[in-house]
């Protein structure tokens, strides 16, 4: 997704299919130079007692 200051900020939803650890990684890249400006990586541990979620539309599918 390209940055556009006139648009809403990007939103992300994690919909786990099973309990356990999930790694989420977001990389911000400057396409013109090919340099990584920011790299975020986090592990989210979904507990076994978390409510099950069905498939949900992504921002591009709404």
Protein backbone atom coordinates (compact mmCIF):
# COMPACT_ATOMS: atom_id res chain seq x y z
CA UNK A 1 0.00 0.00 0.00
CA UNK A 2 1.45 3.39 -0.96
CA UNK A 3 1.34 6.36 1.40
CA UNK A 4 -1.23 9.00 0.53
CA UNK A 5 -1.65 11.83 3.07
CA UNK A 6 -5.26 12.39 1.96
CA UNK A 7 -6.40 8.84 2.73
CA UNK A 8 -7.39 7.10 5.93
CA UNK A 9 -4.51 5.35 7.77
CA UNK A 10 -4.01 1.68 6.97
CA UNK A 11 -5.70 -0.77 9.35
CA UNK A 12 -4.77 -4.38 9.86
CA UNK A 13 -6.73 -7.19 11.50
CA UNK A 14 -5.25 -10.44 12.78
CA UNK A 15 -7.75 -13.29 12.47
CA UNK A 16 -6.02 -16.36 13.90
CA UNK A 17 -7.17 -19.78 12.77
CA UNK A 18 -5.81 -21.52 15.88
CA UNK A 19 -4.21 -20.60 19.21
CA UNK A 20 -0.46 -20.14 19.40
CA UNK A 21 2.22 -17.62 18.43
CA UNK A 22 1.81 -15.51 15.28
CA UNK A 23 4.58 -13.32 13.88
CA UNK A 24 3.46 -10.00 12.46
CA UNK A 25 6.00 -8.13 10.33
CA UNK A 26 5.57 -4.73 8.70
CA UNK A 27 8.29 -3.19 6.55
CA UNK A 28 8.22 0.44 5.40
CA UNK A 29 10.19 0.75 2.16
CA UNK A 30 11.14 3.83 0.14
CA UNK A 31 10.39 2.61 -3.37
CA UNK A 32 12.43 5.31 -5.08
CA UNK A 33 15.65 4.40 -3.26
CA UNK A 34 14.88 0.81 -2.31
CA UNK A 35 15.88 1.44 1.32
CA UNK A 36 14.03 0.06 4.32
CA UNK A 37 12.93 3.01 6.45
CA UNK A 38 11.39 0.99 9.27
CA UNK A 39 11.00 -2.69 10.05
CA UNK A 40 8.62 -3.84 12.78
CA UNK A 41 8.36 -7.44 13.93
CA UNK A 42 6.27 -8.67 16.85
CA UNK A 43 5.06 -12.06 18.06
CA UNK A 44 1.44 -12.15 19.21
CA UNK A 45 0.52 -15.14 21.37
CA UNK A 46 -3.13 -16.09 20.90
CA UNK A 47 -4.35 -17.99 23.98
CA UNK A 48 -6.36 -21.21 23.66
CA UNK A 49 -9.41 -19.60 25.28
CA UNK A 50 -9.59 -16.75 22.73
CA UNK A 51 -12.92 -16.64 20.85
CA UNK A 52 -12.76 -18.21 17.40
CA UNK A 53 -13.10 -15.78 14.52
CA UNK A 54 -14.32 -16.52 11.04
CA UNK A 55 -12.90 -14.98 7.87
CA UNK A 56 -13.32 -11.23 7.68
CA UNK A 57 -12.85 -8.94 4.67
CA UNK A 58 -9.58 -7.08 4.41
CA UNK A 59 -9.49 -3.37 3.64
CA UNK A 60 -9.11 -4.12 -0.09
CA UNK A 61 -12.18 -6.41 -0.05
CA UNK A 62 -14.60 -3.97 1.64
